[in-house]
N, C-alpha and C. Protein backbone atom coordinates (compact mmCIF):
# COMPACT_ATOMS: atom_id res chain seq x y z
N MET A 1 78.81 -85.19 -34.53
CA MET A 1 79.61 -85.89 -34.28
C MET A 1 80.67 -85.67 -33.65
N ARG A 2 81.06 -86.50 -32.48
CA ARG A 2 82.50 -86.09 -31.66
C ARG A 2 83.44 -86.50 -32.47
N LYS A 3 84.64 -85.89 -31.76
CA LYS A 3 85.59 -86.19 -32.52
C LYS A 3 86.45 -86.29 -31.50
N PHE A 4 87.53 -87.61 -31.48
CA PHE A 4 88.43 -87.88 -30.69
C PHE A 4 89.70 -87.16 -30.64
N SER A 5 90.36 -87.33 -29.20
CA SER A 5 91.84 -86.75 -29.24
C SER A 5 92.53 -87.77 -29.74
N ILE A 6 93.56 -86.85 -29.92
CA ILE A 6 94.97 -87.64 -30.71
C ILE A 6 95.29 -88.74 -29.61
N PHE A 7 95.43 -88.37 -28.78
CA PHE A 7 95.72 -89.52 -27.32
C PHE A 7 94.28 -90.72 -27.37
N SER A 8 93.29 -90.26 -27.82
CA SER A 8 92.36 -91.56 -27.62
C SER A 8 92.63 -92.51 -28.92
N LYS A 9 92.92 -91.79 -30.16
CA LYS A 9 93.15 -92.28 -30.88
C LYS A 9 94.67 -93.32 -31.04
N LEU A 10 95.39 -92.74 -30.37
CA LEU A 10 96.76 -93.44 -30.34
C LEU A 10 96.77 -94.39 -29.38
N PHE A 11 95.80 -94.30 -28.32
CA PHE A 11 95.30 -95.47 -27.27
C PHE A 11 94.83 -96.88 -27.82
N LEU A 12 93.66 -96.28 -28.62
CA LEU A 12 92.99 -97.50 -29.58
C LEU A 12 94.01 -98.16 -30.49
N LEU A 13 94.86 -97.54 -31.16
CA LEU A 13 95.84 -98.01 -32.02
C LEU A 13 96.88 -99.07 -31.30
N VAL A 14 97.35 -98.38 -30.72
CA VAL A 14 98.41 -99.21 -29.39
C VAL A 14 97.36 -100.60 -28.66
N ALA A 15 96.12 -100.67 -28.50
CA ALA A 15 95.26 -101.53 -27.64
C ALA A 15 95.07 -102.61 -28.76
N LEU A 16 94.65 -101.98 -29.78
CA LEU A 16 94.55 -103.05 -31.00
C LEU A 16 95.84 -103.87 -31.48
N PHE A 17 97.25 -103.54 -31.58
CA PHE A 17 98.33 -103.24 -31.70
C PHE A 17 98.59 -104.89 -31.00
N PHE A 18 97.87 -104.83 -29.60
CA PHE A 18 98.49 -105.66 -28.70
C PHE A 18 97.23 -106.72 -28.47
N LEU A 19 96.79 -106.97 -29.94
CA LEU A 19 95.75 -108.07 -29.81
C LEU A 19 96.24 -108.48 -30.92
N THR A 20 97.08 -108.15 -32.16
CA THR A 20 97.32 -109.03 -33.07
C THR A 20 98.59 -109.98 -32.63
N THR A 21 99.47 -110.83 -33.49
CA THR A 21 99.93 -111.60 -33.35
C THR A 21 101.49 -110.88 -33.24
N PRO A 22 101.98 -109.66 -33.77
CA PRO A 22 102.75 -108.99 -33.53
C PRO A 22 102.92 -108.66 -32.13
N GLY A 23 101.93 -108.18 -32.09
CA GLY A 23 101.80 -107.37 -30.58
C GLY A 23 101.79 -108.51 -29.60
N ARG A 24 100.86 -109.59 -29.73
CA ARG A 24 101.08 -110.21 -28.26
C ARG A 24 102.90 -110.81 -28.57
N ARG A 25 103.53 -111.31 -29.34
CA ARG A 25 104.86 -111.32 -29.82
C ARG A 25 106.05 -110.33 -28.79
N LEU A 26 105.46 -109.24 -28.97
CA LEU A 26 105.98 -108.20 -28.42
C LEU A 26 105.60 -108.30 -27.17
N ARG A 27 104.51 -108.53 -26.53
CA ARG A 27 104.43 -108.11 -25.19
C ARG A 27 105.54 -109.33 -24.50
N GLU A 28 105.09 -110.58 -24.84
CA GLU A 28 105.74 -111.45 -24.55
C GLU A 28 107.19 -111.29 -24.38
N LEU A 29 107.80 -110.13 -25.28
CA LEU A 29 109.34 -110.19 -25.06
C LEU A 29 109.25 -108.89 -23.83
N VAL A 30 108.33 -108.01 -24.29
CA VAL A 30 108.37 -106.89 -22.67
C VAL A 30 107.95 -107.29 -21.54
N THR A 31 107.39 -108.09 -21.71
CA THR A 31 106.84 -108.95 -20.35
C THR A 31 106.35 -110.19 -20.32
N PRO A 32 107.68 -110.68 -19.76
CA PRO A 32 107.36 -112.29 -20.09
C PRO A 32 106.54 -113.01 -18.93
N HIS A 33 106.18 -112.45 -18.12
CA HIS A 33 105.33 -112.91 -17.38
C HIS A 33 103.52 -113.57 -17.94
N PHE A 34 103.84 -113.41 -19.49
CA PHE A 34 102.32 -113.68 -20.30
C PHE A 34 102.25 -115.45 -20.19
N THR A 35 103.49 -115.85 -20.09
CA THR A 35 103.63 -117.54 -20.34
C THR A 35 104.53 -117.82 -19.49
N LYS A 36 103.85 -119.39 -19.22
CA LYS A 36 104.67 -119.73 -17.84
C LYS A 36 106.12 -119.78 -17.11
N THR A 37 106.17 -119.88 -16.39
CA THR A 37 107.70 -120.10 -15.51
C THR A 37 107.56 -121.42 -14.96
N PRO A 38 108.13 -122.54 -15.07
CA PRO A 38 108.27 -123.40 -14.20
C PRO A 38 108.60 -123.49 -12.76
N LYS A 39 107.70 -124.32 -12.43
CA LYS A 39 107.90 -124.77 -10.56
C LYS A 39 108.37 -125.79 -10.13
N LYS A 40 109.13 -125.89 -9.24
CA LYS A 40 109.78 -126.98 -8.57
C LYS A 40 109.13 -128.40 -8.88
N GLY A 41 109.58 -129.22 -9.47
CA GLY A 41 109.15 -130.30 -10.06
C GLY A 41 108.37 -130.85 -10.97
N ASP A 42 108.03 -129.65 -11.81
CA ASP A 42 107.67 -129.46 -13.11
C ASP A 42 108.68 -130.25 -14.25
N LYS A 43 108.34 -131.12 -14.86
CA LYS A 43 108.95 -131.96 -15.78
C LYS A 43 108.70 -130.38 -17.20
N ILE A 44 109.94 -130.80 -18.00
CA ILE A 44 110.17 -130.19 -19.26
C ILE A 44 111.27 -131.17 -19.71
N GLY A 45 110.79 -131.51 -21.26
CA GLY A 45 111.20 -132.78 -21.67
C GLY A 45 110.87 -134.17 -21.32
N LYS A 46 112.26 -134.41 -20.77
CA LYS A 46 112.51 -135.46 -19.63
C LYS A 46 113.19 -135.18 -18.71
N TYR A 47 113.38 -134.00 -18.16
CA TYR A 47 114.21 -133.44 -16.90
C TYR A 47 112.95 -133.16 -16.17
N THR A 48 113.70 -132.74 -14.91
CA THR A 48 112.83 -132.14 -13.77
C THR A 48 113.01 -131.00 -13.24
N VAL A 49 112.03 -130.11 -12.61
CA VAL A 49 112.90 -128.53 -12.27
C VAL A 49 113.23 -128.84 -11.07
N THR A 50 114.71 -128.79 -10.71
CA THR A 50 114.93 -128.83 -9.23
C THR A 50 115.26 -127.91 -8.69
N SER A 51 115.16 -126.64 -9.07
CA SER A 51 115.26 -124.94 -8.26
C SER A 51 114.84 -124.01 -9.28
N PRO A 52 113.74 -123.90 -8.99
CA PRO A 52 112.67 -122.90 -9.85
C PRO A 52 113.20 -121.14 -9.73
N TRP A 53 112.67 -120.07 -10.16
CA TRP A 53 113.11 -118.76 -10.28
C TRP A 53 112.68 -118.20 -8.80
N GLY A 54 113.31 -117.63 -8.13
CA GLY A 54 112.92 -117.03 -6.74
C GLY A 54 113.55 -117.30 -5.50
N PRO A 55 112.92 -116.87 -4.69
CA PRO A 55 113.80 -117.43 -3.10
C PRO A 55 114.22 -118.72 -2.78
N ARG A 56 115.48 -119.14 -2.05
CA ARG A 56 115.78 -120.43 -2.08
C ARG A 56 116.45 -120.44 -0.86
N ASN A 57 117.05 -121.45 -0.37
CA ASN A 57 118.19 -121.50 0.83
C ASN A 57 118.76 -123.17 0.80
N LEU A 58 119.87 -123.28 -0.44
CA LEU A 58 120.40 -124.37 -0.34
C LEU A 58 121.26 -124.53 0.54
N GLY A 59 121.99 -123.82 1.09
CA GLY A 59 122.76 -124.17 2.53
C GLY A 59 124.15 -124.58 1.60
N ILE A 60 124.49 -123.77 0.50
CA ILE A 60 126.00 -124.33 -0.22
C ILE A 60 126.40 -122.64 -0.10
N ALA A 61 127.68 -122.74 0.70
CA ALA A 61 128.63 -121.47 0.27
C ALA A 61 128.67 -121.21 -1.18
N GLY A 62 128.35 -119.83 -1.40
CA GLY A 62 128.35 -119.30 -2.54
C GLY A 62 127.34 -119.13 -3.30
N ALA A 63 126.20 -120.04 -3.23
CA ALA A 63 125.08 -120.24 -3.71
C ALA A 63 123.97 -118.88 -3.27
N SER A 64 123.54 -118.42 -4.62
CA SER A 64 122.75 -117.14 -4.34
C SER A 64 121.44 -117.33 -3.34
N THR A 65 120.76 -116.55 -2.65
CA THR A 65 119.33 -116.92 -2.15
C THR A 65 118.37 -116.43 -2.83
N PHE A 66 118.45 -115.27 -3.79
CA PHE A 66 117.11 -115.14 -4.83
C PHE A 66 117.94 -116.21 -6.19
N HIS A 67 116.97 -117.31 -6.79
CA HIS A 67 117.92 -117.99 -7.91
C HIS A 67 117.51 -117.18 -8.69
N GLN A 68 117.89 -116.66 -10.07
CA GLN A 68 117.58 -115.96 -11.26
C GLN A 68 117.52 -116.47 -12.70
N GLY A 69 117.19 -118.05 -12.09
CA GLY A 69 117.10 -118.87 -13.56
C GLY A 69 116.63 -120.23 -12.91
N VAL A 70 116.45 -120.93 -14.10
CA VAL A 70 115.55 -122.72 -13.79
C VAL A 70 116.76 -123.44 -13.81
N ASP A 71 116.71 -124.64 -12.71
CA ASP A 71 117.44 -125.83 -12.86
C ASP A 71 116.86 -126.82 -12.97
N LEU A 72 117.65 -127.56 -13.89
CA LEU A 72 116.68 -128.66 -14.40
C LEU A 72 118.16 -129.79 -13.99
N ASN A 73 117.68 -131.54 -13.82
CA ASN A 73 117.82 -132.27 -12.94
C ASN A 73 118.94 -133.14 -14.25
N THR A 74 119.55 -132.40 -15.61
CA THR A 74 120.12 -133.39 -16.09
C THR A 74 121.45 -133.39 -15.74
N PRO A 75 122.08 -134.92 -16.72
CA PRO A 75 123.36 -135.38 -16.39
C PRO A 75 124.44 -134.78 -16.90
N VAL A 76 125.88 -134.81 -16.63
CA VAL A 76 126.79 -133.63 -17.37
C VAL A 76 126.67 -134.70 -19.10
N GLY A 77 126.95 -133.68 -20.18
CA GLY A 77 126.79 -133.91 -21.00
C GLY A 77 125.98 -133.98 -21.98
N THR A 78 124.50 -133.39 -21.24
CA THR A 78 123.16 -133.35 -21.87
C THR A 78 123.42 -132.13 -22.86
N PRO A 79 123.05 -132.35 -24.42
CA PRO A 79 123.42 -131.40 -25.34
C PRO A 79 122.16 -130.18 -25.43
N LEU A 80 122.66 -128.93 -25.30
CA LEU A 80 121.71 -127.97 -25.00
C LEU A 80 121.78 -126.77 -26.55
N TYR A 81 120.63 -126.72 -27.24
CA TYR A 81 120.54 -126.23 -28.05
C TYR A 81 120.21 -124.34 -28.28
N ALA A 82 120.48 -123.80 -29.48
CA ALA A 82 120.85 -122.90 -30.06
C ALA A 82 118.98 -122.23 -30.31
N ILE A 83 118.55 -121.35 -29.05
CA ILE A 83 117.30 -120.60 -29.61
C ILE A 83 117.14 -119.78 -30.87
N GLY A 84 116.38 -120.55 -31.79
CA GLY A 84 115.99 -119.27 -32.72
C GLY A 84 115.08 -120.17 -34.04
N LYS A 85 115.03 -119.15 -34.88
CA LYS A 85 114.11 -119.54 -36.28
C LYS A 85 114.83 -120.08 -36.80
N SER A 86 114.29 -121.40 -37.73
CA SER A 86 115.28 -121.62 -38.49
C SER A 86 116.14 -120.82 -39.92
N GLY A 87 116.96 -121.33 -40.13
CA GLY A 87 117.81 -120.36 -41.13
C GLY A 87 118.79 -119.62 -40.52
N ALA A 88 118.41 -119.13 -38.91
CA ALA A 88 119.12 -117.89 -37.93
C ALA A 88 120.32 -118.47 -38.04
N PHE A 89 121.58 -117.36 -37.67
CA PHE A 89 122.63 -117.60 -37.23
C PHE A 89 122.78 -116.91 -35.88
N ILE A 90 123.32 -117.88 -34.79
CA ILE A 90 123.30 -117.67 -33.29
C ILE A 90 124.51 -116.65 -32.82
N ASP A 91 125.50 -115.85 -32.70
CA ASP A 91 126.83 -115.80 -31.94
C ASP A 91 126.50 -116.11 -30.68
N VAL A 92 127.17 -116.97 -30.28
CA VAL A 92 127.26 -117.59 -28.81
C VAL A 92 128.52 -117.15 -28.27
N GLN A 93 128.32 -116.71 -27.39
CA GLN A 93 129.78 -116.09 -26.02
C GLN A 93 129.76 -117.18 -25.16
N CYS A 94 131.12 -117.89 -25.00
CA CYS A 94 131.68 -118.60 -23.99
C CYS A 94 132.70 -117.95 -23.45
N TRP A 95 132.19 -118.17 -21.67
CA TRP A 95 133.10 -117.25 -20.30
C TRP A 95 133.16 -117.85 -19.25
N THR A 96 133.63 -117.38 -18.32
CA THR A 96 133.26 -117.90 -17.36
C THR A 96 133.21 -117.30 -16.52
N ASP A 97 132.08 -117.44 -15.47
CA ASP A 97 131.24 -116.71 -14.34
C ASP A 97 132.24 -116.99 -13.17
N GLN A 98 132.86 -116.10 -12.28
CA GLN A 98 133.86 -115.99 -11.77
C GLN A 98 132.75 -116.00 -10.03
N LYS A 99 131.49 -115.81 -10.70
CA LYS A 99 130.71 -115.20 -9.27
C LYS A 99 129.96 -116.94 -8.93
N GLY A 100 130.33 -117.65 -9.33
CA GLY A 100 129.67 -119.16 -9.52
C GLY A 100 129.04 -119.63 -10.32
N GLY A 101 128.87 -119.01 -11.50
CA GLY A 101 128.08 -119.69 -12.66
C GLY A 101 129.05 -120.65 -13.36
N GLY A 102 130.24 -120.97 -13.30
CA GLY A 102 131.22 -121.83 -14.13
C GLY A 102 131.24 -121.49 -15.66
N LEU A 103 131.36 -122.59 -16.32
CA LEU A 103 131.58 -122.12 -18.25
C LEU A 103 129.85 -121.47 -18.46
N VAL A 104 129.54 -120.75 -18.84
CA VAL A 104 128.55 -120.05 -19.58
C VAL A 104 128.84 -119.67 -20.83
N ALA A 105 127.56 -120.19 -20.87
CA ALA A 105 127.23 -119.71 -22.92
C ALA A 105 126.05 -118.61 -22.64
N SER A 106 126.62 -117.36 -23.68
CA SER A 106 125.76 -116.33 -23.59
C SER A 106 125.23 -116.06 -25.30
N TYR A 107 123.96 -115.87 -24.95
CA TYR A 107 123.35 -115.40 -27.02
C TYR A 107 122.47 -114.88 -27.02
N LYS A 108 122.08 -113.60 -27.91
CA LYS A 108 121.13 -113.17 -28.21
C LYS A 108 120.03 -113.46 -29.21
N SER A 109 118.76 -113.76 -29.44
CA SER A 109 118.14 -114.56 -30.39
C SER A 109 116.48 -113.92 -29.83
N LEU A 110 115.63 -114.05 -31.23
CA LEU A 110 114.43 -113.38 -30.93
C LEU A 110 114.44 -112.11 -30.08
N GLY A 111 115.13 -111.44 -29.91
CA GLY A 111 114.96 -110.12 -29.07
C GLY A 111 115.58 -109.98 -27.54
N ILE A 112 115.33 -111.52 -27.12
CA ILE A 112 116.04 -111.97 -25.68
C ILE A 112 117.33 -112.79 -25.81
N SER A 113 117.86 -112.00 -24.50
CA SER A 113 119.35 -112.96 -24.63
C SER A 113 119.15 -114.29 -23.51
N PHE A 114 120.36 -115.13 -23.70
CA PHE A 114 119.29 -116.59 -22.89
C PHE A 114 121.33 -116.58 -22.44
N ASP A 115 121.34 -117.48 -21.50
CA ASP A 115 122.82 -117.60 -20.91
C ASP A 115 122.30 -119.18 -20.08
N TYR A 116 123.12 -120.00 -20.74
CA TYR A 116 123.33 -121.23 -19.92
C TYR A 116 124.62 -121.16 -19.27
N LEU A 117 124.69 -121.92 -17.54
CA LEU A 117 125.40 -121.74 -16.82
C LEU A 117 125.39 -123.18 -16.63
N HIS A 118 127.08 -123.37 -15.52
CA HIS A 118 127.00 -124.80 -14.78
C HIS A 118 127.58 -125.69 -16.14
N LEU A 119 128.09 -125.16 -17.69
CA LEU A 119 128.34 -126.28 -18.52
C LEU A 119 130.24 -127.18 -18.27
N SER A 120 129.53 -128.19 -19.13
CA SER A 120 131.13 -128.66 -19.58
C SER A 120 131.83 -128.65 -20.55
N LYS A 121 130.78 -127.66 -21.57
CA LYS A 121 131.57 -127.47 -22.99
C LYS A 121 130.77 -126.77 -23.42
N CYS A 122 131.24 -125.73 -24.13
CA CYS A 122 130.43 -124.54 -24.63
C CYS A 122 131.42 -124.39 -26.38
N TYR A 123 130.36 -124.62 -27.21
CA TYR A 123 131.15 -124.07 -28.73
C TYR A 123 130.47 -122.34 -29.00
N PRO A 124 132.11 -121.81 -29.01
CA PRO A 124 131.62 -120.51 -28.82
C PRO A 124 131.31 -120.10 -31.00
N GLY A 125 131.12 -118.63 -31.45
CA GLY A 125 131.13 -118.31 -32.73
C GLY A 125 129.62 -118.84 -33.01
N LYS A 126 129.48 -118.14 -34.28
CA LYS A 126 128.32 -118.20 -35.21
C LYS A 126 127.88 -119.54 -34.92
N GLN A 127 126.52 -119.72 -34.53
CA GLN A 127 126.12 -121.51 -34.99
C GLN A 127 124.51 -121.17 -35.31
N PRO A 128 124.17 -122.19 -36.21
CA PRO A 128 122.84 -122.39 -36.52
C PRO A 128 122.05 -122.15 -35.96
N ALA A 129 120.93 -121.47 -35.56
CA ALA A 129 119.54 -121.73 -34.77
C ALA A 129 119.32 -123.34 -35.07
N GLY A 130 118.98 -123.85 -33.44
CA GLY A 130 118.61 -125.31 -33.86
C GLY A 130 120.21 -126.50 -33.33
N SER A 131 120.94 -126.21 -33.57
CA SER A 131 122.10 -126.66 -33.29
C SER A 131 122.56 -126.87 -31.38
N VAL A 132 123.52 -127.68 -31.72
CA VAL A 132 124.28 -127.89 -30.24
C VAL A 132 125.29 -126.95 -29.88
N ILE A 133 124.65 -126.22 -28.61
CA ILE A 133 126.03 -124.64 -28.49
C ILE A 133 126.84 -125.03 -27.25
N ALA A 134 126.27 -125.93 -26.30
CA ALA A 134 126.61 -126.26 -25.25
C ALA A 134 126.66 -128.15 -24.86
N LEU A 135 127.27 -128.42 -23.40
CA LEU A 135 126.85 -129.41 -22.88
C LEU A 135 126.66 -128.74 -21.43
N SER A 136 125.34 -129.69 -20.75
CA SER A 136 125.46 -129.13 -19.26
C SER A 136 126.80 -129.91 -18.69
N GLY A 137 126.66 -129.38 -17.21
CA GLY A 137 127.73 -129.85 -16.45
C GLY A 137 127.68 -129.91 -15.04
N ALA A 138 128.65 -129.41 -14.72
CA ALA A 138 128.73 -129.12 -13.10
C ALA A 138 129.55 -128.10 -12.50
N SER A 139 130.19 -127.30 -13.43
CA SER A 139 131.30 -126.49 -13.24
C SER A 139 130.51 -125.22 -12.50
N GLY A 140 131.45 -124.54 -11.78
CA GLY A 140 131.18 -123.55 -10.95
C GLY A 140 130.30 -123.95 -9.45
N VAL A 141 129.59 -123.16 -8.80
CA VAL A 141 129.00 -123.57 -7.49
C VAL A 141 127.86 -123.94 -7.55
N GLY A 142 127.49 -125.38 -7.09
CA GLY A 142 126.39 -126.15 -7.08
C GLY A 142 126.50 -127.36 -6.69
N SER A 143 125.25 -128.12 -6.33
CA SER A 143 124.96 -129.14 -5.93
C SER A 143 125.58 -130.35 -6.26
N GLY A 144 125.71 -130.46 -7.58
CA GLY A 144 126.07 -131.52 -8.73
C GLY A 144 125.95 -131.01 -9.97
N PRO A 145 125.58 -132.04 -11.06
CA PRO A 145 125.51 -131.66 -12.38
C PRO A 145 123.58 -131.72 -12.67
N HIS A 146 123.78 -130.12 -13.33
CA HIS A 146 122.27 -130.00 -13.63
C HIS A 146 122.77 -129.00 -14.90
N PHE A 147 121.63 -128.50 -15.17
CA PHE A 147 120.79 -127.47 -16.52
C PHE A 147 120.68 -125.84 -16.01
N HIS A 148 121.41 -124.73 -15.77
CA HIS A 148 120.56 -123.50 -15.58
C HIS A 148 120.64 -122.49 -16.62
N PHE A 149 119.02 -122.43 -16.73
CA PHE A 149 119.02 -121.71 -18.14
C PHE A 149 118.22 -120.04 -17.49
N GLN A 150 119.06 -119.11 -17.68
CA GLN A 150 118.67 -118.04 -17.54
C GLN A 150 118.16 -117.30 -18.72
N GLN A 151 117.58 -116.08 -18.44
CA GLN A 151 116.69 -115.17 -19.60
C GLN A 151 116.55 -113.91 -19.11
N ARG A 152 116.83 -113.32 -20.35
CA ARG A 152 117.04 -111.63 -20.31
C ARG A 152 115.83 -110.85 -20.63
N ASN A 153 115.19 -110.01 -20.29
CA ASN A 153 114.49 -108.88 -21.34
C ASN A 153 114.96 -107.74 -22.37
N VAL A 154 114.44 -107.46 -23.17
CA VAL A 154 115.05 -106.82 -24.56
C VAL A 154 115.84 -105.44 -23.62
N LEU A 155 115.56 -105.10 -22.26
CA LEU A 155 116.34 -104.18 -21.39
C LEU A 155 117.68 -104.77 -21.00
N GLY A 156 117.90 -106.07 -21.03
CA GLY A 156 118.68 -106.96 -20.35
C GLY A 156 118.38 -107.55 -18.98
N LYS A 157 117.66 -107.05 -18.31
CA LYS A 157 117.06 -107.31 -16.96
C LYS A 157 116.49 -109.10 -16.91
N LYS A 158 117.44 -109.88 -15.85
CA LYS A 158 116.80 -110.83 -15.80
C LYS A 158 115.34 -111.34 -15.15
N VAL A 159 114.84 -112.20 -16.05
CA VAL A 159 113.33 -112.17 -15.87
C VAL A 159 112.82 -113.65 -15.68
N PRO A 160 111.91 -114.09 -15.00
CA PRO A 160 111.57 -115.31 -14.68
C PRO A 160 111.63 -116.08 -16.33
N PRO A 161 112.02 -117.23 -16.60
CA PRO A 161 112.42 -117.71 -17.63
C PRO A 161 111.19 -118.25 -17.97
N GLN A 162 110.93 -118.43 -19.19
CA GLN A 162 109.54 -119.37 -20.18
C GLN A 162 109.61 -120.73 -20.39
N ALA A 163 108.60 -121.45 -19.68
CA ALA A 163 109.17 -123.03 -20.19
C ALA A 163 109.37 -123.24 -21.63
N LYS A 164 108.39 -122.67 -22.53
CA LYS A 164 109.22 -122.70 -24.06
C LYS A 164 110.09 -122.39 -24.15
N TYR A 165 110.95 -121.57 -23.99
CA TYR A 165 112.28 -121.45 -24.69
C TYR A 165 113.27 -122.51 -23.52
N ILE A 166 113.11 -122.87 -22.09
CA ILE A 166 113.71 -124.00 -21.82
C ILE A 166 113.37 -125.08 -22.42
N GLU A 167 112.54 -125.49 -22.97
CA GLU A 167 112.55 -126.81 -24.02
C GLU A 167 112.92 -126.90 -24.88
N TRP A 168 112.85 -125.57 -25.79
CA TRP A 168 113.45 -125.27 -27.00
C TRP A 168 115.02 -125.57 -26.86
N SER A 169 115.50 -125.14 -25.67
CA SER A 169 117.02 -125.21 -25.59
C SER A 169 117.35 -126.63 -25.26
N LEU A 170 116.58 -127.50 -24.76
CA LEU A 170 116.70 -129.01 -24.67
C LEU A 170 116.61 -129.74 -25.72
N THR A 171 115.93 -129.69 -26.94
CA THR A 171 115.45 -130.17 -28.07
C THR A 171 115.63 -129.96 -29.06
N GLY A 172 115.91 -128.52 -29.43
CA GLY A 172 116.21 -127.91 -30.26
C GLY A 172 115.17 -127.59 -31.35
N ARG A 173 114.04 -127.67 -30.56
CA ARG A 173 113.01 -127.68 -31.40
C ARG A 173 112.04 -126.85 -30.75
N GLU A 174 111.17 -125.96 -31.99
CA GLU A 174 109.88 -124.51 -31.19
C GLU A 174 108.79 -125.28 -30.34
C-alpha cells in the first residue's frame, strides 16, 4: 500500500475544505472575484450602475482615473443600510475624505470592510445590522448625486465590489 506525504494529505484537506460551505464563504472573502462585479448599465434594485469598477475618464478635475468602487444613480437622501447578519451590531465610523469622497461611512462586517462615499448624512456608532446608517448624497468630487460603494478584502485591499453586497446595502436584506 502506498503512503502519502504530509503535503499530499494537507493539499487534499485544503481542497476539500474549499468545497464546503464555510470554505466557499472564506474563498469569497479572500478572492471576491468568485462573485459578480456590476457593469455599467446593470440594475441593482431600482438603481442603475453609472460608473463600474475600473478605468474611467470623467473629465472632472479631481476625479480618479481608476474607479475603485461602483456608483449608482441614487437621489440625495436614499437610505443606505448596514450589511451584516441579523442580531449583529456594526461599528460605523463617519469621516470626511479630503481626496474627493466627501462624507464617508466605513465599517467592517462579515470579515469585509465597506465604505459608502459622497453621503449627505452618516450615523456613527454601534448600529444593528440591517439598519439605516447613511443617506446618499453629492458631497465631495462628483458629477451629481449618487451612491459610491467600496469594498475591501480581509487584508484591507480595495477589491471589485460584489453585486450582492451592493444590493444588501440598498435594501437592508441579504
